[in-house]
Protein backbone atom coordinates (compact mmCIF):
# COMPACT_ATOMS: atom_id res chain seq x y z
CA MET A 1 28.95 -1.04 9.44
CA GLU A 2 29.84 -3.51 12.20
CA GLU A 3 26.52 -2.90 13.94
CA CYS A 4 24.67 -3.56 10.66
CA GLU A 5 26.51 -6.85 10.21
CA LYS A 6 25.64 -7.96 13.74
CA THR A 7 21.92 -7.35 13.38
CA VAL A 8 21.00 -7.83 9.72
CA LEU A 9 23.36 -10.46 8.32
CA PRO A 10 22.46 -13.26 10.79
CA PHE A 11 18.80 -12.63 10.02
CA LEU A 12 19.47 -13.16 6.30
CA MET A 13 21.63 -16.22 6.96
CA ARG A 14 18.90 -17.97 8.98
CA ASN A 15 16.65 -17.94 5.93
CA TYR A 16 19.44 -19.01 3.58
CA ASP A 17 20.73 -21.80 5.83
CA PHE A 18 17.26 -23.25 6.40
CA PHE A 19 16.58 -23.83 2.71
CA GLN A 20 20.12 -24.58 1.58
CA ASN A 21 20.57 -27.23 4.28
CA GLU A 22 17.40 -29.25 3.64
CA GLY A 23 15.31 -27.42 6.22
CA LEU A 24 12.05 -28.42 4.55
CA ASP A 25 13.00 -32.10 4.62
CA LYS A 26 13.90 -31.88 8.29
CA LEU A 27 10.63 -30.11 9.02
CA ALA A 28 8.65 -32.78 7.14
CA ALA A 29 10.27 -35.47 9.29
CA MET A 30 9.06 -33.87 12.54
CA ASP A 31 5.97 -35.00 14.42
CA THR A 32 3.72 -31.99 13.91
CA ASP A 33 1.23 -33.35 16.47
CA GLN A 34 3.78 -32.32 19.09
CA PHE A 35 3.84 -28.70 17.91
CA PRO A 36 2.08 -26.20 20.20
CA VAL A 37 -1.27 -24.74 19.17
CA VAL A 38 -0.78 -21.04 18.42
CA ASP A 39 -3.38 -18.63 19.77
CA GLU A 40 -5.34 -17.07 16.92
CA ASN A 41 -4.65 -13.59 18.30
CA ILE A 42 -0.89 -13.92 17.97
CA ARG A 43 0.69 -12.10 15.03
CA TRP A 44 1.61 -14.22 12.02
CA GLY A 45 4.99 -13.46 10.54
CA THR A 46 5.99 -14.32 6.97
CA CYS A 47 6.38 -17.97 5.96
CA ILE A 48 10.06 -17.21 5.26
CA ALA A 49 12.58 -15.06 7.08
CA ARG A 50 13.98 -12.03 5.25
CA PRO A 51 15.18 -13.28 1.85
CA GLY A 52 18.54 -12.47 0.34
CA LYS A 53 16.77 -10.81 -2.56
CA VAL A 54 13.28 -10.21 -3.93
CA VAL A 55 13.15 -10.51 -7.71
CA CYS A 56 9.96 -9.42 -9.45
CA ILE A 57 8.53 -10.04 -12.89
CA GLY A 58 6.51 -7.21 -14.38
CA LEU A 59 3.89 -7.32 -17.15
CA ASN A 60 3.49 -11.10 -16.89
CA TYR A 61 -0.27 -11.49 -17.32
CA ARG A 62 -1.82 -11.06 -20.73
CA ASP A 63 -4.92 -9.33 -19.38
CA HIS A 64 -2.82 -6.92 -17.30
CA VAL A 65 -0.66 -6.01 -20.30
CA LEU A 66 -3.83 -5.26 -22.27
CA GLU A 67 -5.39 -3.14 -19.51
CA ILE A 68 -2.41 -0.78 -19.40
CA GLY A 69 -2.14 -0.67 -23.19
CA ILE A 70 1.40 -1.82 -23.99
CA LYS A 71 2.96 -4.48 -26.20
CA MET A 72 3.18 -8.07 -24.97
CA PRO A 73 6.72 -8.73 -23.68
CA THR A 74 8.94 -11.15 -25.57
CA GLU A 75 11.18 -11.71 -22.53
CA PRO A 76 10.41 -11.35 -18.80
CA THR A 77 10.60 -7.81 -17.43
CA ILE A 78 12.72 -7.92 -14.27
CA PHE A 79 13.02 -5.52 -11.35
CA MET A 80 14.16 -5.79 -7.74
CA LYS A 81 12.35 -4.92 -4.54
CA GLY A 82 13.88 -4.08 -1.16
CA THR A 83 14.06 -7.17 1.07
CA ASN A 84 12.90 -5.17 4.11
CA THR A 85 9.51 -4.73 2.41
CA VAL A 86 8.65 -8.34 3.36
CA ILE A 87 6.12 -8.45 6.21
CA GLY A 88 3.49 -10.84 7.56
CA PRO A 89 0.26 -11.59 5.67
CA TYR A 90 -1.94 -9.74 8.18
CA ASP A 91 0.36 -6.81 8.98
CA ASP A 92 -0.66 -3.24 8.16
CA ILE A 93 0.36 -1.65 4.88
CA ILE A 94 1.91 1.74 5.57
CA ILE A 95 1.08 4.33 2.90
CA PRO A 96 4.23 6.45 2.55
CA LYS A 97 4.57 10.15 3.22
CA ASN A 98 3.57 12.18 0.12
CA SER A 99 1.95 9.13 -1.48
CA THR A 100 -1.14 9.63 -3.61
CA LYS A 101 -1.10 6.50 -5.79
CA ALA A 102 -0.56 3.40 -3.64
CA ASP A 103 -1.77 0.39 -5.61
CA TRP A 104 -2.43 -3.32 -5.03
CA GLU A 105 -1.01 -6.32 -6.92
CA ILE A 106 -1.77 -9.94 -6.00
CA GLU A 107 1.04 -12.24 -7.15
CA LEU A 108 2.15 -15.84 -6.96
CA GLY A 109 5.44 -16.04 -5.06
CA ILE A 110 8.15 -18.63 -5.67
CA ILE A 111 10.63 -19.57 -2.91
CA ILE A 112 14.01 -20.91 -4.06
CA LYS A 113 15.16 -24.13 -2.36
CA ASN A 114 18.87 -24.25 -3.27
CA ASP A 115 21.42 -22.04 -4.97
CA CYS A 116 21.23 -22.28 -8.75
CA ARG A 117 22.75 -20.66 -11.81
CA TYR A 118 22.70 -21.39 -15.53
CA LEU A 119 19.94 -23.98 -15.38
CA ALA A 120 19.70 -26.00 -18.57
CA SER A 121 15.92 -26.15 -18.87
CA GLU A 122 12.53 -25.46 -17.31
CA LYS A 123 12.42 -29.09 -16.18
CA GLU A 124 15.62 -28.64 -14.19
CA ALA A 125 14.08 -25.61 -12.46
CA GLN A 126 11.61 -27.88 -10.66
CA VAL A 127 14.37 -29.19 -8.41
CA TYR A 128 15.19 -25.70 -7.16
CA ILE A 129 11.73 -24.59 -6.09
CA ALA A 130 11.00 -24.95 -2.37
CA GLY A 131 7.38 -23.89 -2.74
CA TYR A 132 4.81 -21.26 -3.54
CA THR A 133 3.09 -18.52 -1.55
CA ILE A 134 1.03 -15.34 -1.90
CA SER A 135 3.14 -12.24 -2.51
CA HIS A 136 1.43 -8.84 -2.39
CA ASP A 137 3.52 -6.51 -4.55
CA VAL A 138 2.23 -3.17 -3.25
CA SER A 139 3.29 -0.30 -5.53
CA GLU A 140 3.32 3.49 -5.40
CA ARG A 141 2.61 4.46 -9.00
CA GLU A 142 3.72 8.10 -8.81
CA PHE A 143 7.04 7.07 -7.28
CA GLN A 144 7.35 4.25 -9.82
CA ILE A 145 6.39 6.04 -13.04
CA GLU A 146 6.39 9.81 -12.55
CA ARG A 147 9.55 10.27 -10.46
CA GLY A 148 12.26 9.49 -13.00
CA GLY A 149 11.00 6.21 -14.41
CA GLN A 150 12.64 4.08 -11.74
CA TRP A 151 10.47 1.16 -10.66
CA THR A 152 12.47 0.34 -7.53
CA LYS A 153 11.53 3.55 -5.70
CA GLY A 154 7.81 2.79 -6.18
CA LYS A 155 8.17 -0.81 -5.07
CA SER A 156 10.48 -0.66 -2.05
CA CYS A 157 8.55 1.45 0.45
CA ASP A 158 8.29 -0.01 3.96
CA THR A 159 5.70 -2.84 4.30
CA PHE A 160 5.18 -3.09 0.52
CA ASN A 161 5.44 -6.91 0.34
CA PRO A 162 3.16 -8.94 2.61
CA VAL A 163 4.06 -12.64 2.15
CA GLY A 164 2.24 -15.81 3.24
CA PRO A 165 0.47 -17.12 5.18
CA TYR A 166 1.70 -20.47 3.87
CA LEU A 167 4.53 -21.95 1.89
CA ALA A 168 3.04 -24.84 -0.10
CA THR A 169 5.61 -27.29 -1.43
CA PRO A 170 5.28 -28.18 -5.14
CA ASP A 171 3.69 -31.56 -4.40
CA GLU A 172 0.91 -29.77 -2.50
CA VAL A 173 -0.07 -27.65 -5.52
CA GLU A 174 -2.19 -29.58 -8.02
CA ASN A 175 -1.46 -27.36 -11.03
CA ILE A 176 0.63 -24.25 -10.58
CA ASN A 177 -0.48 -23.07 -14.03
CA ASN A 178 -4.17 -23.04 -13.09
CA LEU A 179 -4.68 -21.29 -9.75
CA LYS A 180 -7.48 -18.81 -9.17
CA MET A 181 -6.38 -15.56 -7.54
CA LYS A 182 -8.58 -12.84 -6.09
CA LEU A 183 -8.05 -9.47 -4.44
CA SER A 184 -10.69 -7.15 -2.96
CA VAL A 185 -10.52 -3.67 -1.46
CA ASN A 186 -13.15 -2.81 1.16
CA GLY A 187 -15.15 -5.84 0.03
CA ILE A 188 -15.17 -4.83 -3.65
CA MET A 189 -13.56 -7.37 -6.00
CA ARG A 190 -10.73 -5.69 -7.88
CA GLN A 191 -8.63 -8.56 -9.23
CA ASP A 192 -10.08 -11.89 -10.35
CA GLY A 193 -7.44 -13.77 -12.29
CA ASN A 194 -5.76 -17.10 -12.88
CA THR A 195 -2.13 -18.18 -13.24
CA GLU A 196 -3.05 -19.80 -16.56
CA ASN A 197 -2.98 -16.28 -18.00
CA MET A 198 0.75 -15.81 -17.33
CA VAL A 199 2.94 -14.86 -20.29
CA PHE A 200 5.88 -16.77 -18.75
CA ASN A 201 5.15 -19.69 -16.41
CA PRO A 202 6.87 -20.19 -13.02
CA LEU A 203 9.33 -22.86 -14.18
CA TYR A 204 10.42 -20.76 -17.13
CA ILE A 205 10.88 -17.74 -14.87
CA VAL A 206 13.27 -19.62 -12.56
CA TYR A 207 15.18 -21.03 -15.53
CA TYR A 208 15.34 -17.58 -17.18
CA LEU A 209 16.49 -15.69 -14.10
CA SER A 210 19.27 -18.23 -13.50
CA GLN A 211 20.87 -17.16 -16.78
CA PHE A 212 21.50 -13.68 -15.37
CA MET A 213 22.07 -14.13 -11.64
CA THR A 214 22.60 -16.78 -9.00
CA LEU A 215 19.29 -17.53 -7.33
CA GLU A 216 20.07 -18.28 -3.70
CA ALA A 217 18.27 -20.47 -1.20
CA GLY A 218 15.37 -18.58 0.35
CA ASP A 219 15.11 -15.94 -2.39
CA LEU A 220 11.60 -14.75 -3.22
CA ILE A 221 10.39 -14.33 -6.80
CA SER A 222 7.12 -12.50 -7.45
CA THR A 223 5.69 -13.55 -10.79
CA GLY A 224 3.44 -10.68 -11.86
CA THR A 225 -0.17 -9.63 -11.37
CA PRO A 226 -3.41 -10.10 -13.34
CA HIS A 227 -5.73 -7.34 -14.54
CA GLY A 228 -7.62 -5.13 -12.10
CA VAL A 229 -4.93 -2.91 -10.60
CA GLY A 230 -5.99 0.58 -9.54
CA MET A 231 -3.73 2.22 -12.10
CA GLY A 232 -5.59 0.45 -14.92
CA MET A 233 -9.05 1.68 -13.93
CA LYS A 234 -10.87 4.61 -15.48
CA PRO A 235 -10.89 6.70 -13.39
CA GLN A 236 -7.92 5.37 -11.48
CA VAL A 237 -8.46 4.15 -7.91
CA PHE A 238 -5.78 3.96 -5.22
CA LEU A 239 -5.42 2.87 -1.60
CA ASN A 240 -6.18 5.21 1.29
CA ASP A 241 -5.95 5.18 5.06
CA LYS A 242 -8.13 2.47 6.69
CA ASN A 243 -8.77 0.62 3.41
CA ILE A 244 -8.90 -3.15 3.88
CA VAL A 245 -7.22 -5.36 1.27
CA GLU A 246 -7.94 -9.10 1.12
CA LEU A 247 -6.13 -11.58 -1.12
CA GLU A 248 -6.55 -15.28 -1.89
CA ILE A 249 -4.89 -17.85 -4.18
CA ASP A 250 -6.17 -21.42 -4.49
CA GLY A 251 -4.34 -23.68 -2.05
CA LEU A 252 -2.17 -20.89 -0.66
CA GLY A 253 -4.52 -19.35 1.89
CA LYS A 254 -5.62 -15.78 2.40
CA GLN A 255 -4.10 -12.44 3.35
CA ARG A 256 -5.71 -9.39 4.92
CA GLN A 257 -4.15 -5.97 5.46
CA ILE A 258 -5.36 -2.63 6.75
CA CYS A 259 -3.80 0.47 5.18
CA ARG A 260 -2.42 3.11 7.55
CA ASN A 261 -0.94 6.49 6.76
CA ALA A 262 2.73 6.78 7.69
CA CYS A 263 3.58 8.73 10.81
CA THR A 264 5.29 11.90 9.57
CA LYS A 265 6.50 13.26 12.90
């Protein structure tokens, strides 16, 4: 237990302290012309350190709800994802041992700026959003649906949440409710959606979640995926070793991952 606290807790606190203590404002005040130029061959990490929690909204796009044939939700569907799933935007996705149904899900990610609970309105939620990013909610559908009905086990496999490359502050996003989002696998377009098709918009999601839990500085919220997931296709299509997944959201950059089978030795 002591060893865990020495290695993991400080890592979580760095992320929390940065956002809670006006890290973005301090960063904005710096002279970025003095920053070093990073070699393009150097690995990109996530745009945030490991968050305290990853909260996800399921079934939040009208077209996605229709493609899987269920009723439109009247309240947000919430599930959690392991925080150690968060990796860089260009890191490999590791397909787990015994996996046969690894699936893709492009999502808009929200980063929380300061601790908040019991927000009074959607308008108040604006103050608590540090910015937006691309969040790839990779899912193993057999683990998620066929192994006891528990979503967490299909969502929390290692490497199952590439995040980034950028965190765009709210003032840098022209209209969060009208962003094009695209995902392709091996060059074939699979998801072509828009945030305007959300059932519950980002501000409402932050307001809603705050009624049930304290959202802490640096937390990541994934807001759901549009139509075009592998599970919804007929026949179904899933990720395999060496598949290349590319994602893009207007104003938030691009991701690219190569799928690799897990080492089972």
